């Protein structure tokens, strides 16, 4: 679970990184000098003193946007940790060592065959104690899967499909893009205005409220339809490269459609319809990818783990 101090510290690193990256851009120093007077870091408390030239912040929008695209892996991790902390305020972690190890072993198999930059501290899969059919992925490499979604799988390949899809979101940097495209520019501007209008108000309060709002919107609204389709297409190629049957993605989506159709919850709230995703997956699969079959050995391993899981 998150603490206010840990959450704020992570968010602070994120913001300071943006300022630092922005200053490295052409013309950034001139734009930011008008308002970035001094940053004082004392332990986990940060105060940013600014003057009242809010127009300079507006004019720096493009510089901030470019800086946001160039966030280093360490800061991606801190942003992702804040997202995970927000998620865990609404969901409890389900403790089952055998099942968690199994999910992480599948994840590592997929990661070994994946393309794209690795998260700062690698990938980690956690089970959420909820019957809701849903999963989340953060830029920090955190993959959070509900018990309800695990229950929609029928073999190891369909379980791998769930994890491959979430790896796709992370590798394609959808979490960072979702924040940038939704509220980042407005939120950073709002923060500056709030500070200049309330000089005695601690920057920590403004920053914490801004980040909570951004993270909440991303979690509640989910990724765009285009990004969901991109993650599915990425999962098709990743599963094929890892020896899993990409067709298991279709099986998994059919089970999701059957189990939560019309519920308006979980993936039905934050994802495109399973039918539209199935259409996209079929269009993404080549003949060789379609020909891979689910192996009996993997299915037997899955059944053994699920049997033990059901007995808990």
C-alpha atoms as a PDB file:
ATOM      1  CA  UNK A   1       0.000   0.000   0.000  1.00  0.00           C
ATOM      2  CA  UNK A   2       1.261   3.529  -0.637  1.00  0.00           C
ATOM      3  CA  UNK A   3       2.207   6.071   1.959  1.00  0.00           C
ATOM      4  CA  UNK A   4       1.709   9.774   1.298  1.00  0.00           C
ATOM      5  CA  UNK A   5       5.438  10.403   1.690  1.00  0.00           C
ATOM      6  CA  UNK A   6       6.486   7.615  -0.656  1.00  0.00           C
ATOM      7  CA  UNK A   7       3.876   8.627  -3.199  1.00  0.00           C
ATOM      8  CA  UNK A   8       4.918  12.269  -3.107  1.00  0.00           C
ATOM      9  CA  UNK A   9       8.630  11.450  -3.272  1.00  0.00           C
ATOM     10  CA  UNK A  10       8.086   9.375  -6.410  1.00  0.00           C
ATOM     11  CA  UNK A  11       6.008  12.119  -7.994  1.00  0.00           C
ATOM     12  CA  UNK A  12       8.590  14.739  -7.062  1.00  0.00           C
ATOM     13  CA  UNK A  13      11.342  12.824  -8.834  1.00  0.00           C
ATOM     14  CA  UNK A  14       9.098  12.701 -11.887  1.00  0.00           C
ATOM     15  CA  UNK A  15       8.478  16.454 -11.920  1.00  0.00           C
ATOM     16  CA  UNK A  16      12.064  17.467 -11.228  1.00  0.00           C
ATOM     17  CA  UNK A  17      13.182  15.144 -14.021  1.00  0.00           C
ATOM     18  CA  UNK A  18      10.870  16.932 -16.419  1.00  0.00           C
ATOM     19  CA  UNK A  19      12.337  20.276 -15.442  1.00  0.00           C
ATOM     20  CA  UNK A  20      15.877  18.939 -15.880  1.00  0.00           C
ATOM     21  CA  UNK A  21      15.113  17.382 -19.258  1.00  0.00           C
ATOM     22  CA  UNK A  22      13.329  20.525 -20.418  1.00  0.00           C
ATOM     23  CA  UNK A  23      16.344  22.644 -19.542  1.00  0.00           C
ATOM     24  CA  UNK A  24      18.461  20.511 -21.855  1.00  0.00           C
ATOM     25  CA  UNK A  25      16.283  21.419 -24.864  1.00  0.00           C
ATOM     26  CA  UNK A  26      17.086  24.314 -27.208  1.00  0.00           C
ATOM     27  CA  UNK A  27      15.707  27.529 -25.834  1.00  0.00           C
ATOM     28  CA  UNK A  28      14.397  25.850 -22.696  1.00  0.00           C
ATOM     29  CA  UNK A  29      16.566  27.844 -20.302  1.00  0.00           C
ATOM     30  CA  UNK A  30      15.167  31.115 -21.594  1.00  0.00           C
ATOM     31  CA  UNK A  31      11.597  29.875 -21.259  1.00  0.00           C
ATOM     32  CA  UNK A  32      11.932  28.372 -17.821  1.00  0.00           C
ATOM     33  CA  UNK A  33      14.200  30.971 -16.212  1.00  0.00           C
ATOM     34  CA  UNK A  34      11.236  33.326 -15.833  1.00  0.00           C
ATOM     35  CA  UNK A  35       9.565  31.074 -13.306  1.00  0.00           C
ATOM     36  CA  UNK A  36      11.994  28.397 -12.062  1.00  0.00           C
ATOM     37  CA  UNK A  37      13.709  30.486  -9.407  1.00  0.00           C
ATOM     38  CA  UNK A  38      14.865  27.818  -7.002  1.00  0.00           C
ATOM     39  CA  UNK A  39      14.276  24.179  -6.063  1.00  0.00           C
ATOM     40  CA  UNK A  40      15.083  23.188  -2.508  1.00  0.00           C
ATOM     41  CA  UNK A  41      15.088  19.498  -1.660  1.00  0.00           C
ATOM     42  CA  UNK A  42      15.094  18.658   2.030  1.00  0.00           C
ATOM     43  CA  UNK A  43      14.597  14.935   2.651  1.00  0.00           C
ATOM     44  CA  UNK A  44      11.163  14.111   1.270  1.00  0.00           C
ATOM     45  CA  UNK A  45       9.830  17.676   1.382  1.00  0.00           C
ATOM     46  CA  UNK A  46      10.193  19.794  -1.723  1.00  0.00           C
ATOM     47  CA  UNK A  47       9.336  23.449  -2.093  1.00  0.00           C
ATOM     48  CA  UNK A  48       9.383  25.094  -5.480  1.00  0.00           C
ATOM     49  CA  UNK A  49       9.462  28.872  -5.392  1.00  0.00           C
ATOM     50  CA  UNK A  50       8.148  30.541  -8.528  1.00  0.00           C
ATOM     51  CA  UNK A  51       7.276  34.057  -9.579  1.00  0.00           C
ATOM     52  CA  UNK A  52       3.948  34.998 -11.082  1.00  0.00           C
ATOM     53  CA  UNK A  53       4.854  34.780 -14.769  1.00  0.00           C
ATOM     54  CA  UNK A  54       2.388  32.032 -15.631  1.00  0.00           C
ATOM     55  CA  UNK A  55       2.560  32.977 -19.304  1.00  0.00           C
ATOM     56  CA  UNK A  56       6.098  31.640 -19.387  1.00  0.00           C
ATOM     57  CA  UNK A  57       4.796  28.251 -18.270  1.00  0.00           C
ATOM     58  CA  UNK A  58       2.220  28.215 -21.039  1.00  0.00           C
ATOM     59  CA  UNK A  59       4.897  29.044 -23.611  1.00  0.00           C
ATOM     60  CA  UNK A  60       7.031  26.185 -22.295  1.00  0.00           C
ATOM     61  CA  UNK A  61       4.387  23.601 -23.195  1.00  0.00           C
ATOM     62  CA  UNK A  62       6.214  22.170 -26.189  1.00  0.00           C
ATOM     63  CA  UNK A  63       9.439  21.903 -24.225  1.00  0.00           C
ATOM     64  CA  UNK A  64       7.686  19.982 -21.450  1.00  0.00           C
ATOM     65  CA  UNK A  65       6.027  17.727 -24.012  1.00  0.00           C
ATOM     66  CA  UNK A  66       9.361  16.763 -25.541  1.00  0.00           C
ATOM     67  CA  UNK A  67      10.915  16.274 -22.101  1.00  0.00           C
ATOM     68  CA  UNK A  68       8.064  13.939 -21.213  1.00  0.00           C
ATOM     69  CA  UNK A  69       8.941  11.724 -24.179  1.00  0.00           C
ATOM     70  CA  UNK A  70      12.532  11.429 -22.958  1.00  0.00           C
ATOM     71  CA  UNK A  71      11.958  10.359 -19.360  1.00  0.00           C
ATOM     72  CA  UNK A  72      14.788   8.046 -18.223  1.00  0.00           C
ATOM     73  CA  UNK A  73      13.967   4.475 -17.090  1.00  0.00           C
ATOM     74  CA  UNK A  74      14.480   5.324 -13.423  1.00  0.00           C
ATOM     75  CA  UNK A  75      11.752   7.963 -13.516  1.00  0.00           C
ATOM     76  CA  UNK A  76       9.439   5.711 -15.520  1.00  0.00           C
ATOM     77  CA  UNK A  77       9.741   3.292 -12.622  1.00  0.00           C
ATOM     78  CA  UNK A  78       8.822   5.936 -10.026  1.00  0.00           C
ATOM     79  CA  UNK A  79       5.796   7.007 -12.076  1.00  0.00           C
ATOM     80  CA  UNK A  80       4.730   3.377 -12.399  1.00  0.00           C
ATOM     81  CA  UNK A  81       5.163   2.813  -8.690  1.00  0.00           C
ATOM     82  CA  UNK A  82       2.796   5.689  -8.015  1.00  0.00           C
ATOM     83  CA  UNK A  83       0.237   4.176 -10.393  1.00  0.00           C
ATOM     84  CA  UNK A  84       0.538   0.788  -8.677  1.00  0.00           C
ATOM     85  CA  UNK A  85       0.112   2.443  -5.288  1.00  0.00           C
ATOM     86  CA  UNK A  86      -3.100   4.065  -6.505  1.00  0.00           C
ATOM     87  CA  UNK A  87      -4.415   0.741  -7.800  1.00  0.00           C
ATOM     88  CA  UNK A  88      -3.670  -0.926  -4.469  1.00  0.00           C
ATOM     89  CA  UNK A  89      -5.853   1.585  -2.658  1.00  0.00           C
ATOM     90  CA  UNK A  90      -8.809  -0.046  -4.430  1.00  0.00           C
ATOM     91  CA  UNK A  91      -7.684  -3.687  -4.578  1.00  0.00           C
ATOM     92  CA  UNK A  92      -6.115  -6.023  -2.066  1.00  0.00           C
ATOM     93  CA  UNK A  93      -3.223  -8.281  -3.007  1.00  0.00           C
ATOM     94  CA  UNK A  94      -4.108 -11.967  -3.176  1.00  0.00           C
ATOM     95  CA  UNK A  95      -1.439 -14.066  -1.499  1.00  0.00           C
ATOM     96  CA  UNK A  96      -0.700 -17.390  -3.180  1.00  0.00           C
ATOM     97  CA  UNK A  97       3.012 -18.060  -3.512  1.00  0.00           C
ATOM     98  CA  UNK A  98       2.735 -20.957  -5.985  1.00  0.00           C
ATOM     99  CA  UNK A  99       0.386 -19.151  -8.358  1.00  0.00           C
ATOM    100  CA  UNK A 100       2.380 -15.927  -8.183  1.00  0.00           C
ATOM    101  CA  UNK A 101       5.617 -17.764  -8.972  1.00  0.00           C
ATOM    102  CA  UNK A 102       3.895 -19.500 -11.874  1.00  0.00           C
ATOM    103  CA  UNK A 103       2.675 -16.198 -13.330  1.00  0.00           C
ATOM    104  CA  UNK A 104       6.100 -14.629 -12.955  1.00  0.00           C
ATOM    105  CA  UNK A 105       7.819 -17.601 -14.604  1.00  0.00           C
ATOM    106  CA  UNK A 106       5.492 -17.207 -17.611  1.00  0.00           C
ATOM    107  CA  UNK A 107       6.221 -13.488 -17.602  1.00  0.00           C
ATOM    108  CA  UNK A 108       9.989 -14.028 -17.615  1.00  0.00           C
ATOM    109  CA  UNK A 109       9.699 -16.504 -20.505  1.00  0.00           C
ATOM    110  CA  UNK A 110       7.855 -13.879 -22.510  1.00  0.00           C
ATOM    111  CA  UNK A 111      10.239 -11.088 -21.508  1.00  0.00           C
ATOM    112  CA  UNK A 112      13.245 -13.081 -22.725  1.00  0.00           C
ATOM    113  CA  UNK A 113      11.707 -13.055 -26.187  1.00  0.00           C
ATOM    114  CA  UNK A 114      10.406  -9.482 -26.143  1.00  0.00           C
ATOM    115  CA  UNK A 115      11.649  -6.390 -27.902  1.00  0.00           C
ATOM    116  CA  UNK A 116      11.937  -2.875 -26.549  1.00  0.00           C
ATOM    117  CA  UNK A 117      13.478  -1.249 -23.496  1.00  0.00           C
ATOM    118  CA  UNK A 118      13.309  -3.105 -20.193  1.00  0.00           C
ATOM    119  CA  UNK A 119      11.810  -1.345 -17.157  1.00  0.00           C
ATOM    120  CA  UNK A 120      14.300  -0.038 -14.605  1.00  0.00           C
ATOM    121  CA  UNK A 121      13.681  -2.907 -12.152  1.00  0.00           C
ATOM    122  CA  UNK A 122      12.275  -5.518 -14.516  1.00  0.00           C
ATOM    123  CA  UNK A 123       8.802  -7.037 -14.575  1.00  0.00           C
ATOM    124  CA  UNK A 124       6.754  -8.221 -11.617  1.00  0.00           C
ATOM    125  CA  UNK A 125       3.326  -9.886 -11.643  1.00  0.00           C
ATOM    126  CA  UNK A 126       0.977  -9.524  -8.672  1.00  0.00           C
ATOM    127  CA  UNK A 127      -2.484 -11.038  -8.161  1.00  0.00           C
ATOM    128  CA  UNK A 128      -5.355  -8.776  -7.099  1.00  0.00           C
ATOM    129  CA  UNK A 129      -7.982 -10.278  -4.819  1.00  0.00           C
ATOM    130  CA  UNK A 130     -11.032  -9.434  -6.912  1.00  0.00           C
ATOM    131  CA  UNK A 131     -13.629 -11.322  -8.948  1.00  0.00           C
ATOM    132  CA  UNK A 132     -13.583  -8.457 -11.431  1.00  0.00           C
ATOM    133  CA  UNK A 133     -12.132  -9.391 -14.815  1.00  0.00           C
ATOM    134  CA  UNK A 134      -9.304  -6.902 -15.224  1.00  0.00           C
ATOM    135  CA  UNK A 135      -5.562  -6.294 -15.381  1.00  0.00           C
ATOM    136  CA  UNK A 136      -3.297  -3.264 -15.120  1.00  0.00           C
ATOM    137  CA  UNK A 137       0.212  -2.464 -16.323  1.00  0.00           C
ATOM    138  CA  UNK A 138       2.421   0.399 -15.143  1.00  0.00           C
ATOM    139  CA  UNK A 139       5.507   1.988 -16.645  1.00  0.00           C
ATOM    140  CA  UNK A 140       7.452   0.582 -13.711  1.00  0.00           C
ATOM    141  CA  UNK A 141       6.999  -2.995 -14.983  1.00  0.00           C
ATOM    142  CA  UNK A 142       4.227  -3.854 -12.543  1.00  0.00           C
ATOM    143  CA  UNK A 143       1.570  -6.215 -13.928  1.00  0.00           C
ATOM    144  CA  UNK A 144      -1.483  -6.616 -11.712  1.00  0.00           C
ATOM    145  CA  UNK A 145      -3.975  -9.351 -12.646  1.00  0.00           C
ATOM    146  CA  UNK A 146      -7.265 -10.034 -10.871  1.00  0.00           C
ATOM    147  CA  UNK A 147      -8.398 -13.477  -9.775  1.00  0.00           C
ATOM    148  CA  UNK A 148     -11.426 -12.921 -12.011  1.00  0.00           C
ATOM    149  CA  UNK A 149      -9.253 -12.606 -15.110  1.00  0.00           C
ATOM    150  CA  UNK A 150      -7.179 -15.643 -14.152  1.00  0.00           C
ATOM    151  CA  UNK A 151     -10.469 -17.527 -13.941  1.00  0.00           C
ATOM    152  CA  UNK A 152     -11.177 -16.623 -17.570  1.00  0.00           C
ATOM    153  CA  UNK A 153      -8.140 -18.585 -18.777  1.00  0.00           C
ATOM    154  CA  UNK A 154      -8.303 -22.229 -19.804  1.00  0.00           C
ATOM    155  CA  UNK A 155      -4.636 -23.184 -20.215  1.00  0.00           C
ATOM    156  CA  UNK A 156      -1.134 -21.789 -19.837  1.00  0.00           C
ATOM    157  CA  UNK A 157      -1.221 -20.240 -23.286  1.00  0.00           C
ATOM    158  CA  UNK A 158      -4.310 -18.157 -22.517  1.00  0.00           C
ATOM    159  CA  UNK A 159      -2.712 -17.100 -19.230  1.00  0.00           C
ATOM    160  CA  UNK A 160       0.392 -16.120 -21.192  1.00  0.00           C
ATOM    161  CA  UNK A 161      -1.879 -14.104 -23.490  1.00  0.00           C
ATOM    162  CA  UNK A 162      -3.010 -11.982 -20.538  1.00  0.00           C
ATOM    163  CA  UNK A 163       0.565 -11.289 -19.455  1.00  0.00           C
ATOM    164  CA  UNK A 164       1.841 -10.715 -23.015  1.00  0.00           C
ATOM    165  CA  UNK A 165      -0.846  -8.082 -23.547  1.00  0.00           C
ATOM    166  CA  UNK A 166       0.224  -6.223 -20.408  1.00  0.00           C
ATOM    167  CA  UNK A 167       3.906  -6.492 -21.362  1.00  0.00           C
ATOM    168  CA  UNK A 168       2.878  -4.896 -24.649  1.00  0.00           C
ATOM    169  CA  UNK A 169       1.424  -1.891 -22.842  1.00  0.00           C
ATOM    170  CA  UNK A 170       4.667  -1.452 -20.914  1.00  0.00           C
ATOM    171  CA  UNK A 171       7.042  -1.977 -23.818  1.00  0.00           C
ATOM    172  CA  UNK A 172       5.030   0.385 -26.025  1.00  0.00           C
ATOM    173  CA  UNK A 173       5.021   2.983 -23.217  1.00  0.00           C
ATOM    174  CA  UNK A 174       1.249   3.324 -23.263  1.00  0.00           C
ATOM    175  CA  UNK A 175       1.105   4.361 -19.612  1.00  0.00           C
ATOM    176  CA  UNK A 176       3.290   7.415 -20.188  1.00  0.00           C
ATOM    177  CA  UNK A 177       1.528   8.299 -23.422  1.00  0.00           C
ATOM    178  CA  UNK A 178      -1.874   8.033 -21.757  1.00  0.00           C
ATOM    179  CA  UNK A 179      -0.860  10.561 -19.109  1.00  0.00           C
ATOM    180  CA  UNK A 180       0.670  12.932 -21.643  1.00  0.00           C
ATOM    181  CA  UNK A 181      -2.305  12.770 -23.979  1.00  0.00           C
ATOM    182  CA  UNK A 182      -4.920  13.185 -21.269  1.00  0.00           C
ATOM    183  CA  UNK A 183      -4.028  15.636 -18.515  1.00  0.00           C
ATOM    184  CA  UNK A 184      -0.295  16.165 -18.251  1.00  0.00           C
ATOM    185  CA  UNK A 185      -0.033  19.565 -19.919  1.00  0.00           C
ATOM    186  CA  UNK A 186      -3.146  20.943 -18.222  1.00  0.00           C
ATOM    187  CA  UNK A 187      -2.146  19.472 -14.876  1.00  0.00           C
ATOM    188  CA  UNK A 188       1.359  20.918 -14.940  1.00  0.00           C
ATOM    189  CA  UNK A 189      -0.099  24.296 -15.823  1.00  0.00           C
ATOM    190  CA  UNK A 190      -2.735  24.037 -13.084  1.00  0.00           C
ATOM    191  CA  UNK A 191      -0.028  23.217 -10.567  1.00  0.00           C
ATOM    192  CA  UNK A 192       1.965  26.310 -11.483  1.00  0.00           C
ATOM    193  CA  UNK A 193      -1.098  28.536 -11.307  1.00  0.00           C
ATOM    194  CA  UNK A 194      -2.055  27.100  -7.924  1.00  0.00           C
ATOM    195  CA  UNK A 195       1.383  27.754  -6.509  1.00  0.00           C
ATOM    196  CA  UNK A 196       1.553  31.335  -7.774  1.00  0.00           C
ATOM    197  CA  UNK A 197      -1.924  32.083  -6.463  1.00  0.00           C
ATOM    198  CA  UNK A 198      -1.216  30.413  -3.119  1.00  0.00           C
ATOM    199  CA  UNK A 199       2.410  31.269  -2.275  1.00  0.00           C
ATOM    200  CA  UNK A 200       2.048  29.975   1.278  1.00  0.00           C
ATOM    201  CA  UNK A 201       0.633  26.607   0.196  1.00  0.00           C
ATOM    202  CA  UNK A 202       3.139  23.793   0.202  1.00  0.00           C
ATOM    203  CA  UNK A 203       4.033  22.498  -3.235  1.00  0.00           C
ATOM    204  CA  UNK A 204       3.642  18.980  -1.877  1.00  0.00           C
ATOM    205  CA  UNK A 205      -0.115  19.406  -1.509  1.00  0.00           C
ATOM    206  CA  UNK A 206      -0.525  20.719  -5.049  1.00  0.00           C
ATOM    207  CA  UNK A 207       1.716  18.044  -6.557  1.00  0.00           C
ATOM    208  CA  UNK A 208      -0.010  15.229  -4.681  1.00  0.00           C
ATOM    209  CA  UNK A 209      -3.460  16.338  -5.788  1.00  0.00           C
ATOM    210  CA  UNK A 210      -2.371  16.782  -9.396  1.00  0.00           C
ATOM    211  CA  UNK A 211      -0.760  13.348  -9.666  1.00  0.00           C
ATOM    212  CA  UNK A 212      -3.668  11.603  -7.944  1.00  0.00           C
ATOM    213  CA  UNK A 213      -6.002  13.142 -10.497  1.00  0.00           C
ATOM    214  CA  UNK A 214      -3.856  12.107 -13.461  1.00  0.00           C
ATOM    215  CA  UNK A 215      -3.330   8.567 -12.190  1.00  0.00           C
ATOM    216  CA  UNK A 216      -6.993   8.132 -11.307  1.00  0.00           C
ATOM    217  CA  UNK A 217      -8.080   9.099 -14.789  1.00  0.00           C
ATOM    218  CA  UNK A 218      -5.639   6.681 -16.405  1.00  0.00           C
ATOM    219  CA  UNK A 219      -6.729   3.773 -14.214  1.00  0.00           C
ATOM    220  CA  UNK A 220     -10.457   4.463 -14.463  1.00  0.00           C
ATOM    221  CA  UNK A 221     -10.591   5.317 -18.158  1.00  0.00           C
ATOM    222  CA  UNK A 222      -7.985   2.859 -19.379  1.00  0.00           C
ATOM    223  CA  UNK A 223      -5.911   3.056 -22.532  1.00  0.00           C
ATOM    224  CA  UNK A 224      -7.281   4.171 -25.893  1.00  0.00           C
ATOM    225  CA  UNK A 225      -8.805   1.639 -28.291  1.00  0.00           C
ATOM    226  CA  UNK A 226      -5.824   2.070 -30.594  1.00  0.00           C
ATOM    227  CA  UNK A 227      -3.421   1.283 -27.753  1.00  0.00           C
ATOM    228  CA  UNK A 228      -5.421  -1.801 -26.724  1.00  0.00           C
ATOM    229  CA  UNK A 229      -5.261  -3.072 -30.291  1.00  0.00           C
ATOM    230  CA  UNK A 230      -1.521  -2.335 -30.406  1.00  0.00           C
ATOM    231  CA  UNK A 231      -0.986  -4.305 -27.196  1.00  0.00           C
ATOM    232  CA  UNK A 232      -2.941  -7.260 -28.613  1.00  0.00           C
ATOM    233  CA  UNK A 233      -0.903  -7.198 -31.830  1.00  0.00           C
ATOM    234  CA  UNK A 234       2.297  -7.008 -29.782  1.00  0.00           C
ATOM    235  CA  UNK A 235       1.092  -9.994 -27.749  1.00  0.00           C
ATOM    236  CA  UNK A 236       0.509 -12.024 -30.925  1.00  0.00           C
ATOM    237  CA  UNK A 237       4.140 -11.592 -32.009  1.00  0.00           C
ATOM    238  CA  UNK A 238       5.522 -12.044 -28.508  1.00  0.00           C
ATOM    239  CA  UNK A 239       3.634 -15.271 -27.908  1.00  0.00           C
ATOM    240  CA  UNK A 240       4.750 -16.636 -31.267  1.00  0.00           C
ATOM    241  CA  UNK A 241       8.386 -15.760 -30.505  1.00  0.00           C
ATOM    242  CA  UNK A 242       8.054 -17.483 -27.113  1.00  0.00           C
ATOM    243  CA  UNK A 243       6.510 -20.699 -28.464  1.00  0.00           C
ATOM    244  CA  UNK A 244       3.000 -20.015 -27.195  1.00  0.00           C
ATOM    245  CA  UNK A 245      -0.069 -20.284 -29.418  1.00  0.00           C
ATOM    246  CA  UNK A 246      -1.233 -16.760 -30.389  1.00  0.00           C
ATOM    247  CA  UNK A 247      -4.707 -18.196 -30.997  1.00  0.00           C
ATOM    248  CA  UNK A 248      -4.991 -18.465 -27.199  1.00  0.00           C
ATOM    249  CA  UNK A 249      -5.554 -14.708 -27.170  1.00  0.00           C
ATOM    250  CA  UNK A 250      -8.808 -15.316 -29.034  1.00  0.00           C
ATOM    251  CA  UNK A 251      -9.784 -18.090 -26.620  1.00  0.00           C
ATOM    252  CA  UNK A 252      -9.134 -15.818 -23.679  1.00  0.00           C
ATOM    253  CA  UNK A 253     -11.166 -12.960 -25.186  1.00  0.00           C
ATOM    254  CA  UNK A 254     -14.072 -15.312 -25.916  1.00  0.00           C
ATOM    255  CA  UNK A 255     -14.082 -16.419 -22.273  1.00  0.00           C
ATOM    256  CA  UNK A 256     -14.005 -12.811 -21.100  1.00  0.00           C
ATOM    257  CA  UNK A 257     -16.949 -12.011 -23.368  1.00  0.00           C
ATOM    258  CA  UNK A 258     -18.876 -14.966 -21.983  1.00  0.00           C
ATOM    259  CA  UNK A 259     -18.123 -14.248 -18.326  1.00  0.00           C
ATOM    260  CA  UNK A 260     -18.652 -10.480 -18.169  1.00  0.00           C
ATOM    261  CA  UNK A 261     -20.802  -9.613 -21.167  1.00  0.00           C
ATOM    262  CA  UNK A 262     -22.846  -6.508 -20.503  1.00  0.00           C
ATOM    263  CA  UNK A 263     -21.551  -6.095 -16.953  1.00  0.00           C
ATOM    264  CA  UNK A 264     -20.011  -2.687 -17.537  1.00  0.00           C
ATOM    265  CA  UNK A 265     -17.235  -3.657 -15.121  1.00  0.00           C
ATOM    266  CA  UNK A 266     -13.547  -4.467 -15.411  1.00  0.00           C
ATOM    267  CA  UNK A 267     -12.377  -4.789 -18.985  1.00  0.00           C
ATOM    268  CA  UNK A 268     -15.825  -3.909 -20.284  1.00  0.00           C
ATOM    269  CA  UNK A 269     -15.347  -0.502 -18.688  1.00  0.00           C
ATOM    270  CA  UNK A 270     -11.768   0.205 -19.802  1.00  0.00           C
ATOM    271  CA  UNK A 271     -11.245  -1.906 -22.953  1.00  0.00           C
ATOM    272  CA  UNK A 272     -12.753  -2.200 -26.432  1.00  0.00           C
ATOM    273  CA  UNK A 273     -15.306  -4.999 -26.790  1.00  0.00           C
ATOM    274  CA  UNK A 274     -13.845  -8.527 -26.871  1.00  0.00           C
ATOM    275  CA  UNK A 275     -15.367  -9.033 -30.329  1.00  0.00           C
ATOM    276  CA  UNK A 276     -13.567  -6.008 -31.780  1.00  0.00           C
ATOM    277  CA  UNK A 277     -10.338  -7.156 -30.170  1.00  0.00           C
ATOM    278  CA  UNK A 278     -10.782 -10.656 -31.624  1.00  0.00           C
ATOM    279  CA  UNK A 279     -11.194  -9.119 -35.088  1.00  0.00           C
ATOM    280  CA  UNK A 280      -7.961  -7.172 -34.590  1.00  0.00           C
ATOM    281  CA  UNK A 281      -6.074 -10.244 -33.338  1.00  0.00           C
ATOM    282  CA  UNK A 282      -7.168 -12.327 -36.315  1.00  0.00           C
ATOM    283  CA  UNK A 283      -5.982  -9.583 -38.665  1.00  0.00           C
ATOM    284  CA  UNK A 284      -2.622  -9.500 -36.870  1.00  0.00           C
ATOM    285  CA  UNK A 285      -1.961 -13.236 -37.053  1.00  0.00           C
ATOM    286  CA  UNK A 286      -0.035 -14.799 -39.929  1.00  0.00           C
ATOM    287  CA  UNK A 287      -0.426 -18.377 -41.109  1.00  0.00           C
ATOM    288  CA  UNK A 288       2.602 -19.600 -39.186  1.00  0.00           C
ATOM    289  CA  UNK A 289       1.349 -17.960 -36.017  1.00  0.00           C
ATOM    290  CA  UNK A 290      -2.108 -19.484 -36.443  1.00  0.00           C
ATOM    291  CA  UNK A 291      -0.604 -22.941 -36.892  1.00  0.00           C
ATOM    292  CA  UNK A 292       0.991 -23.174 -33.423  1.00  0.00           C
ATOM    293  CA  UNK A 293      -0.973 -25.481 -31.146  1.00  0.00           C
ATOM    294  CA  UNK A 294      -1.395 -25.411 -27.389  1.00  0.00           C
ATOM    295  CA  UNK A 295       0.929 -28.077 -25.964  1.00  0.00           C
ATOM    296  CA  UNK A 296      -0.331 -30.799 -23.649  1.00  0.00           C
ATOM    297  CA  UNK A 297       2.712 -30.372 -21.387  1.00  0.00           C
ATOM    298  CA  UNK A 298       1.923 -26.724 -20.736  1.00  0.00           C
ATOM    299  CA  UNK A 299      -1.753 -27.519 -20.200  1.00  0.00           C
ATOM    300  CA  UNK A 300      -0.907 -30.232 -17.665  1.00  0.00           C
ATOM    301  CA  UNK A 301       1.349 -27.822 -15.798  1.00  0.00           C
ATOM    302  CA  UNK A 302      -1.432 -25.230 -15.792  1.00  0.00           C
ATOM    303  CA  UNK A 303      -3.966 -27.764 -14.501  1.00  0.00           C
ATOM    304  CA  UNK A 304      -1.675 -28.767 -11.638  1.00  0.00           C
ATOM    305  CA  UNK A 305      -1.198 -25.166 -10.523  1.00  0.00           C
ATOM    306  CA  UNK A 306      -4.884 -24.309 -10.905  1.00  0.00           C
ATOM    307  CA  UNK A 307      -5.895 -27.396  -8.935  1.00  0.00           C
ATOM    308  CA  UNK A 308      -3.704 -26.313  -6.042  1.00  0.00           C
ATOM    309  CA  UNK A 309      -4.973 -22.729  -6.415  1.00  0.00           C
ATOM    310  CA  UNK A 310      -8.613 -23.862  -6.257  1.00  0.00           C
ATOM    311  CA  UNK A 311      -7.890 -25.846  -3.107  1.00  0.00           C
ATOM    312  CA  UNK A 312      -6.715 -22.800  -1.192  1.00  0.00           C
END
